[in-house]
Amino acid sequence: SNEYNTSTLSNNWVVLDLGCGSGLVGRVFADLCRRPCEAVEILIADMIDLWRQIGALERSNEELRVFLKDDNNDDEVDAIQQIIVENEAVLDKKHCNLKELRAKH
C-alpha cells in the first residue's frame, strides 16, 4: 500500500536540522512542526539576515565606486565595473526575497 500511517504523529516531535546551514531541512518540515509564533520568529530572523547581506553588498559596491574614482588603472576598471554590475543583480534578487518575506509577515 502507498498510504502512510500517520496515527503515531503528534505535536511532540522535535526536528533537529544539522545540515549545511542553508535551512532547507527546516523549511521542508516547517509546516509540520512549527507553531505560528515560532514561524514568525524564524521569518524575522530570515529578514534580518537578508538586511545584513544587502547592507554588506551595498557597502562593497560603494567602496568599489570610490576605488574607481581614485584609481586610473584601465585594466582594473573593467573588472571592477563588472563586479558592481553582478552585485547589483544579486542585490535586486535579495530585495525581491526581502519583499516576499515582508508579505508573509
N, C-alpha and C. Protein backbone atom coordinates (compact mmCIF):
# COMPACT_ATOMS: atom_id res chain seq x y z
N SER A 1 0.83 -1.18 0.00
CA SER A 1 0.00 0.00 0.00
C SER A 1 0.88 1.24 0.00
N ASN A 2 0.46 2.29 -0.70
CA ASN A 2 1.20 3.55 -0.76
C ASN A 2 0.73 4.55 0.28
N GLU A 3 -0.16 4.14 1.16
CA GLU A 3 -0.66 5.05 2.18
C GLU A 3 0.28 5.03 3.37
N TYR A 4 0.43 6.19 3.99
CA TYR A 4 1.29 6.32 5.15
C TYR A 4 0.46 6.26 6.43
N ASN A 5 0.98 5.62 7.43
CA ASN A 5 0.31 5.56 8.73
C ASN A 5 0.69 6.81 9.50
N THR A 6 -0.24 7.72 9.66
CA THR A 6 0.02 8.96 10.38
C THR A 6 -0.56 8.93 11.78
N SER A 7 -1.05 7.76 12.23
CA SER A 7 -1.68 7.70 13.53
C SER A 7 -0.70 7.93 14.67
N THR A 8 0.59 7.76 14.44
CA THR A 8 1.57 7.96 15.51
C THR A 8 2.10 9.38 15.54
N LEU A 9 1.73 10.22 14.59
CA LEU A 9 2.21 11.59 14.58
C LEU A 9 1.55 12.38 15.70
N SER A 10 2.34 13.22 16.34
CA SER A 10 1.79 14.07 17.39
C SER A 10 2.50 15.40 17.36
N ASN A 11 2.09 16.30 18.22
CA ASN A 11 2.73 17.61 18.30
C ASN A 11 4.00 17.58 19.14
N ASN A 12 4.42 16.41 19.59
CA ASN A 12 5.57 16.30 20.46
C ASN A 12 6.87 16.00 19.72
N TRP A 13 6.86 15.99 18.43
CA TRP A 13 8.06 15.70 17.65
C TRP A 13 8.99 16.90 17.68
N VAL A 14 10.28 16.61 17.69
CA VAL A 14 11.29 17.65 17.60
C VAL A 14 12.16 17.34 16.40
N VAL A 15 12.35 18.31 15.51
CA VAL A 15 13.20 18.12 14.34
C VAL A 15 14.47 18.89 14.58
N LEU A 16 15.59 18.21 14.48
CA LEU A 16 16.89 18.83 14.66
C LEU A 16 17.59 18.84 13.32
N ASP A 17 17.83 20.01 12.78
CA ASP A 17 18.45 20.18 11.47
C ASP A 17 19.95 20.39 11.67
N LEU A 18 20.73 19.41 11.28
CA LEU A 18 22.18 19.50 11.37
C LEU A 18 22.79 19.61 9.97
N GLY A 19 22.10 20.28 9.09
CA GLY A 19 22.53 20.39 7.70
C GLY A 19 23.68 21.36 7.50
N CYS A 20 23.77 21.87 6.29
CA CYS A 20 24.91 22.71 5.91
C CYS A 20 24.69 24.19 6.23
N GLY A 21 23.56 24.54 6.79
CA GLY A 21 23.31 25.93 7.14
C GLY A 21 22.37 26.64 6.18
N SER A 22 21.92 25.95 5.15
CA SER A 22 21.01 26.58 4.19
C SER A 22 19.60 26.70 4.74
N GLY A 23 19.27 25.89 5.73
CA GLY A 23 17.93 25.91 6.31
C GLY A 23 16.92 25.09 5.51
N LEU A 24 17.39 24.35 4.51
CA LEU A 24 16.49 23.61 3.64
C LEU A 24 15.67 22.58 4.41
N VAL A 25 16.30 21.81 5.28
CA VAL A 25 15.57 20.79 6.03
C VAL A 25 14.50 21.43 6.90
N GLY A 26 14.87 22.52 7.57
CA GLY A 26 13.91 23.22 8.40
C GLY A 26 12.72 23.74 7.62
N ARG A 27 13.00 24.23 6.40
CA ARG A 27 11.91 24.75 5.57
C ARG A 27 10.99 23.64 5.08
N VAL A 28 11.57 22.47 4.77
CA VAL A 28 10.77 21.34 4.28
C VAL A 28 9.79 20.88 5.36
N PHE A 29 10.26 20.84 6.61
CA PHE A 29 9.42 20.35 7.71
C PHE A 29 8.68 21.46 8.44
N ALA A 30 8.85 22.70 8.02
CA ALA A 30 8.30 23.84 8.75
C ALA A 30 6.80 23.72 9.00
N ASP A 31 6.06 23.38 7.98
CA ASP A 31 4.60 23.33 8.14
C ASP A 31 4.15 22.21 9.06
N LEU A 32 4.98 21.21 9.23
CA LEU A 32 4.60 20.07 10.07
C LEU A 32 4.93 20.28 11.53
N CYS A 33 5.93 21.11 11.83
CA CYS A 33 6.38 21.12 13.22
C CYS A 33 6.48 22.50 13.86
N ARG A 34 6.25 23.56 13.19
CA ARG A 34 6.35 24.87 13.83
C ARG A 34 5.00 25.35 14.31
N ARG A 35 5.04 25.95 15.46
CA ARG A 35 3.86 26.67 15.91
C ARG A 35 3.91 28.04 15.26
N PRO A 36 2.80 28.74 15.11
CA PRO A 36 2.79 30.04 14.43
C PRO A 36 3.80 31.04 14.98
N CYS A 37 3.95 31.12 16.31
CA CYS A 37 4.88 32.11 16.85
C CYS A 37 6.32 31.78 16.48
N GLU A 38 6.65 30.48 16.41
CA GLU A 38 7.99 30.08 16.00
C GLU A 38 8.23 30.44 14.54
N ALA A 39 7.22 30.27 13.72
CA ALA A 39 7.36 30.59 12.30
C ALA A 39 7.64 32.08 12.11
N VAL A 40 6.98 32.91 12.89
CA VAL A 40 7.20 34.36 12.80
C VAL A 40 8.62 34.70 13.23
N GLU A 41 9.09 34.07 14.31
CA GLU A 41 10.45 34.32 14.78
C GLU A 41 11.48 33.95 13.72
N ILE A 42 11.26 32.83 13.06
CA ILE A 42 12.19 32.39 12.02
C ILE A 42 12.10 33.32 10.82
N LEU A 43 10.91 33.76 10.48
CA LEU A 43 10.72 34.70 9.38
C LEU A 43 11.47 36.00 9.66
N ILE A 44 11.36 36.50 10.87
CA ILE A 44 12.07 37.73 11.24
C ILE A 44 13.58 37.51 11.18
N ALA A 45 14.05 36.37 11.64
CA ALA A 45 15.48 36.06 11.57
C ALA A 45 15.96 36.02 10.12
N ASP A 46 15.15 35.44 9.23
CA ASP A 46 15.50 35.41 7.81
C ASP A 46 15.56 36.82 7.23
N MET A 47 14.62 37.67 7.65
CA MET A 47 14.60 39.06 7.16
C MET A 47 15.84 39.81 7.65
N ILE A 48 16.22 39.62 8.90
CA ILE A 48 17.40 40.28 9.44
C ILE A 48 18.64 39.83 8.68
N ASP A 49 18.72 38.54 8.40
CA ASP A 49 19.86 38.02 7.64
C ASP A 49 19.93 38.65 6.26
N LEU A 50 18.80 38.78 5.61
CA LEU A 50 18.77 39.42 4.29
C LEU A 50 19.18 40.89 4.37
N TRP A 51 18.71 41.60 5.39
CA TRP A 51 19.10 43.01 5.56
C TRP A 51 20.61 43.14 5.70
N ARG A 52 21.20 42.22 6.47
CA ARG A 52 22.66 42.24 6.65
C ARG A 52 23.38 41.98 5.33
N GLN A 53 22.90 41.00 4.57
CA GLN A 53 23.52 40.68 3.29
C GLN A 53 23.40 41.87 2.32
N ILE A 54 22.24 42.49 2.30
CA ILE A 54 22.02 43.65 1.43
C ILE A 54 22.96 44.78 1.84
N GLY A 55 23.05 45.05 3.12
CA GLY A 55 23.93 46.10 3.61
C GLY A 55 25.38 45.85 3.23
N ALA A 56 25.84 44.61 3.36
CA ALA A 56 27.21 44.26 3.02
C ALA A 56 27.48 44.47 1.53
N LEU A 57 26.54 44.05 0.70
CA LEU A 57 26.71 44.25 -0.75
C LEU A 57 26.69 45.72 -1.13
N GLU A 58 25.81 46.49 -0.50
CA GLU A 58 25.75 47.92 -0.80
C GLU A 58 27.04 48.62 -0.38
N ARG A 59 27.58 48.25 0.79
CA ARG A 59 28.85 48.83 1.24
C ARG A 59 29.99 48.45 0.29
N SER A 60 29.98 47.20 -0.14
CA SER A 60 31.00 46.73 -1.07
C SER A 60 30.97 47.52 -2.37
N ASN A 61 29.77 47.70 -2.92
CA ASN A 61 29.65 48.46 -4.16
C ASN A 61 30.09 49.90 -3.98
N GLU A 62 29.76 50.50 -2.84
CA GLU A 62 30.17 51.88 -2.58
C GLU A 62 31.70 51.98 -2.51
N GLU A 63 32.32 51.02 -1.83
CA GLU A 63 33.78 51.02 -1.75
C GLU A 63 34.41 50.84 -3.13
N LEU A 64 33.81 49.99 -3.95
CA LEU A 64 34.33 49.80 -5.31
C LEU A 64 34.19 51.07 -6.14
N ARG A 65 33.08 51.76 -5.98
CA ARG A 65 32.88 53.02 -6.72
C ARG A 65 33.89 54.08 -6.29
N VAL A 66 34.17 54.16 -5.00
CA VAL A 66 35.18 55.10 -4.50
C VAL A 66 36.55 54.74 -5.07
N PHE A 67 36.85 53.45 -5.10
CA PHE A 67 38.12 52.99 -5.66
C PHE A 67 38.23 53.38 -7.13
N LEU A 68 37.13 53.24 -7.87
CA LEU A 68 37.15 53.61 -9.29
C LEU A 68 37.43 55.09 -9.49
N LYS A 69 36.92 55.92 -8.61
CA LYS A 69 37.17 57.37 -8.72
C LYS A 69 38.64 57.69 -8.48
N ASP A 70 39.26 56.96 -7.58
CA ASP A 70 40.64 57.24 -7.18
C ASP A 70 41.68 56.56 -8.06
N ASP A 71 41.33 55.46 -8.70
CA ASP A 71 42.30 54.68 -9.46
C ASP A 71 42.07 54.87 -10.95
N ASN A 72 43.14 55.03 -11.68
CA ASN A 72 43.04 55.24 -13.14
C ASN A 72 43.60 54.07 -13.92
N ASN A 73 43.75 52.92 -13.31
CA ASN A 73 44.28 51.75 -13.98
C ASN A 73 43.18 51.12 -14.83
N ASP A 74 43.28 51.26 -16.14
CA ASP A 74 42.22 50.80 -17.05
C ASP A 74 41.99 49.29 -16.98
N ASP A 75 43.04 48.53 -16.69
CA ASP A 75 42.87 47.07 -16.61
C ASP A 75 41.92 46.68 -15.49
N GLU A 76 41.98 47.37 -14.39
CA GLU A 76 41.14 47.04 -13.24
C GLU A 76 39.74 47.63 -13.35
N VAL A 77 39.60 48.72 -14.08
CA VAL A 77 38.31 49.41 -14.17
C VAL A 77 37.23 48.50 -14.73
N ASP A 78 37.51 47.82 -15.83
CA ASP A 78 36.50 46.95 -16.43
C ASP A 78 36.09 45.81 -15.49
N ALA A 79 37.08 45.21 -14.83
CA ALA A 79 36.78 44.11 -13.93
C ALA A 79 35.95 44.60 -12.74
N ILE A 80 36.30 45.75 -12.21
CA ILE A 80 35.56 46.29 -11.06
C ILE A 80 34.14 46.69 -11.46
N GLN A 81 33.99 47.28 -12.63
CA GLN A 81 32.65 47.64 -13.10
C GLN A 81 31.79 46.39 -13.29
N GLN A 82 32.40 45.30 -13.75
CA GLN A 82 31.66 44.05 -13.91
C GLN A 82 31.22 43.50 -12.55
N ILE A 83 32.09 43.61 -11.56
CA ILE A 83 31.74 43.15 -10.20
C ILE A 83 30.55 43.96 -9.67
N ILE A 84 30.58 45.27 -9.90
CA ILE A 84 29.48 46.12 -9.45
C ILE A 84 28.17 45.71 -10.11
N VAL A 85 28.22 45.44 -11.41
CA VAL A 85 27.02 45.02 -12.14
C VAL A 85 26.49 43.70 -11.57
N GLU A 86 27.40 42.76 -11.32
CA GLU A 86 26.99 41.47 -10.77
C GLU A 86 26.39 41.65 -9.37
N ASN A 87 27.02 42.50 -8.57
CA ASN A 87 26.48 42.77 -7.23
C ASN A 87 25.09 43.39 -7.30
N GLU A 88 24.88 44.27 -8.26
CA GLU A 88 23.56 44.91 -8.41
C GLU A 88 22.49 43.87 -8.73
N ALA A 89 22.83 42.88 -9.57
CA ALA A 89 21.87 41.82 -9.90
C ALA A 89 21.54 41.01 -8.65
N VAL A 90 22.55 40.70 -7.84
CA VAL A 90 22.32 39.96 -6.60
C VAL A 90 21.49 40.80 -5.63
N LEU A 91 21.79 42.10 -5.57
CA LEU A 91 21.02 43.00 -4.70
C LEU A 91 19.55 43.02 -5.10
N ASP A 92 19.29 43.10 -6.39
CA ASP A 92 17.90 43.09 -6.86
C ASP A 92 17.18 41.83 -6.40
N LYS A 93 17.85 40.69 -6.53
CA LYS A 93 17.25 39.42 -6.13
C LYS A 93 17.00 39.39 -4.62
N LYS A 94 17.96 39.88 -3.84
CA LYS A 94 17.80 39.89 -2.39
C LYS A 94 16.69 40.85 -1.95
N HIS A 95 16.55 41.98 -2.64
CA HIS A 95 15.45 42.91 -2.34
C HIS A 95 14.10 42.25 -2.64
N CYS A 96 14.03 41.48 -3.73
CA CYS A 96 12.80 40.74 -4.05
C CYS A 96 12.50 39.70 -2.98
N ASN A 97 13.55 38.97 -2.54
CA ASN A 97 13.36 37.98 -1.48
C ASN A 97 12.86 38.64 -0.20
N LEU A 98 13.43 39.80 0.12
CA LEU A 98 13.01 40.52 1.33
C LEU A 98 11.56 40.97 1.20
N LYS A 99 11.17 41.42 0.03
CA LYS A 99 9.79 41.86 -0.20
C LYS A 99 8.83 40.68 -0.01
N GLU A 100 9.24 39.49 -0.49
CA GLU A 100 8.40 38.30 -0.32
C GLU A 100 8.25 37.93 1.15
N LEU A 101 9.36 38.03 1.90
CA LEU A 101 9.29 37.74 3.33
C LEU A 101 8.41 38.73 4.06
N ARG A 102 8.52 39.99 3.69
CA ARG A 102 7.66 41.00 4.32
C ARG A 102 6.19 40.72 4.06
N ALA A 103 5.87 40.24 2.86
CA ALA A 103 4.49 39.92 2.51
C ALA A 103 3.97 38.76 3.37
N LYS A 104 4.85 37.83 3.75
CA LYS A 104 4.45 36.70 4.60
C LYS A 104 4.22 37.15 6.04
N HIS A 105 4.93 38.19 6.45
CA HIS A 105 4.85 38.67 7.84
C HIS A 105 3.57 39.40 7.98
